[in-house]
Amino acid sequence: MKDQFVERDERTISVENASYRLGYLFISFGLLLIVAFRSFFYQESNWDLMGLVIIGGLVTTVYQAFYKTLSRRLIVLSLVIACFAALTAFMIVFVQK
């Protein structure tokens, strides 16, 4: 058995990627909560923060599409969620008026 220390292996990379995923999810959902709170309680328009969430999602999607790692299931699920989000936003706008 080798006594040398292995600096990076597949497990290390996997754990790092999992931590980046959790950090990204925390930031994205935190921004979404801030946008919702400011919108409902302060009646502010937060397109700058919402833009960060949308662009962050687009960057990861484009990167995965470029390297052909997107699955058909993920694409369909993303489209269903986007349609549901658009419908929910449409209903919120008309309920407030």
Protein backbone atom coordinates (compact mmCIF):
# COMPACT_ATOMS: atom_id res chain seq x y z
CA MET A 1 0.00 0.00 0.00
CA LYS A 2 1.23 3.48 -0.81
CA ASP A 3 1.99 5.90 1.98
CA GLN A 4 1.57 8.90 -0.29
CA PHE A 5 -1.27 11.31 0.28
CA VAL A 6 -3.77 11.51 -2.60
CA GLU A 7 -4.62 15.16 -3.04
CA ARG A 8 -7.58 14.84 -5.42
CA ASP A 9 -9.58 11.85 -6.51
CA GLU A 10 -13.06 11.17 -7.86
CA ARG A 11 -14.64 11.26 -4.41
CA THR A 12 -13.13 14.65 -3.63
CA ILE A 13 -14.39 16.08 -6.91
CA SER A 14 -17.84 14.58 -6.31
CA VAL A 15 -18.04 16.10 -2.82
CA GLU A 16 -16.89 19.49 -4.15
CA ASN A 17 -19.52 19.43 -6.89
CA ALA A 18 -22.22 18.49 -4.38
CA SER A 19 -21.20 21.42 -2.17
CA TYR A 20 -21.30 23.82 -5.13
CA ARG A 21 -24.79 22.54 -5.95
CA LEU A 22 -26.01 23.15 -2.40
CA GLY A 23 -24.47 26.63 -2.37
CA TYR A 24 -26.07 27.48 -5.71
CA LEU A 25 -29.48 26.25 -4.52
CA PHE A 26 -29.19 28.22 -1.28
CA ILE A 27 -28.31 31.43 -3.11
CA SER A 28 -31.00 30.97 -5.79
CA PHE A 29 -33.82 30.20 -3.38
CA GLY A 30 -32.62 32.92 -1.00
CA LEU A 31 -32.84 35.45 -3.81
CA LEU A 32 -36.28 34.16 -4.75
CA LEU A 33 -37.47 34.60 -1.16
CA ILE A 34 -36.06 38.14 -1.04
CA VAL A 35 -37.79 38.99 -4.33
CA ALA A 36 -41.11 37.59 -3.11
CA PHE A 37 -40.86 39.35 0.26
CA ARG A 38 -40.02 42.74 -1.25
CA SER A 39 -42.69 42.34 -3.88
CA PHE A 40 -45.52 41.39 -1.53
CA PHE A 41 -44.68 43.57 1.49
CA TYR A 42 -42.94 46.61 -0.01
CA GLN A 43 -44.56 46.57 -3.48
CA GLU A 44 -41.10 46.87 -5.07
CA SER A 45 -40.05 45.63 -8.46
CA ASN A 46 -36.99 43.39 -8.09
CA TRP A 47 -36.07 42.53 -11.65
CA ASP A 48 -32.38 42.96 -10.92
CA LEU A 49 -32.43 40.19 -8.30
CA MET A 50 -34.81 38.04 -10.33
CA GLY A 51 -32.48 38.49 -13.30
CA LEU A 52 -29.64 37.00 -11.24
CA VAL A 53 -31.71 33.89 -10.53
CA ILE A 54 -32.79 33.50 -14.17
CA ILE A 55 -29.34 34.14 -15.64
CA GLY A 56 -27.75 31.77 -13.11
CA GLY A 57 -30.09 29.02 -14.25
CA LEU A 58 -29.47 29.79 -17.91
CA VAL A 59 -25.70 29.70 -17.48
CA THR A 60 -25.77 26.22 -15.96
CA THR A 61 -28.26 24.98 -18.56
CA VAL A 62 -26.23 26.32 -21.50
CA TYR A 63 -23.04 24.84 -20.04
CA GLN A 64 -24.67 21.43 -19.68
CA ALA A 65 -26.17 21.64 -23.16
CA PHE A 66 -22.77 22.55 -24.62
CA TYR A 67 -21.22 19.43 -23.09
CA LYS A 68 -24.30 17.34 -23.95
CA THR A 69 -25.11 16.28 -20.39
CA LEU A 70 -28.76 17.35 -20.36
CA SER A 71 -31.23 14.49 -20.15
CA ARG A 72 -34.57 14.49 -21.91
CA ARG A 73 -36.30 14.16 -18.52
CA LEU A 74 -34.60 17.30 -17.23
CA ILE A 75 -35.58 19.28 -20.33
CA VAL A 76 -39.23 18.22 -20.08
CA LEU A 77 -39.33 18.88 -16.35
CA SER A 78 -37.80 22.33 -16.85
CA LEU A 79 -40.38 23.22 -19.48
CA VAL A 80 -43.25 22.06 -17.26
CA ILE A 81 -41.93 24.10 -14.33
CA ALA A 82 -41.42 27.17 -16.54
CA CYS A 83 -45.02 26.91 -17.81
CA PHE A 84 -46.33 26.49 -14.27
CA ALA A 85 -44.30 29.50 -13.09
CA ALA A 86 -45.57 31.64 -15.98
CA LEU A 87 -49.16 30.63 -15.23
CA THR A 88 -48.70 31.40 -11.53
CA ALA A 89 -47.17 34.81 -12.31
CA PHE A 90 -50.01 35.55 -14.72
CA MET A 91 -52.59 34.70 -12.04
CA ILE A 92 -50.81 36.79 -9.38
CA VAL A 93 -50.76 39.83 -11.66
CA PHE A 94 -54.49 39.62 -12.34
CA VAL A 95 -55.41 38.93 -8.70
CA GLN A 96 -53.59 42.09 -7.58
CA LYS A 97 -55.51 44.30 -10.04
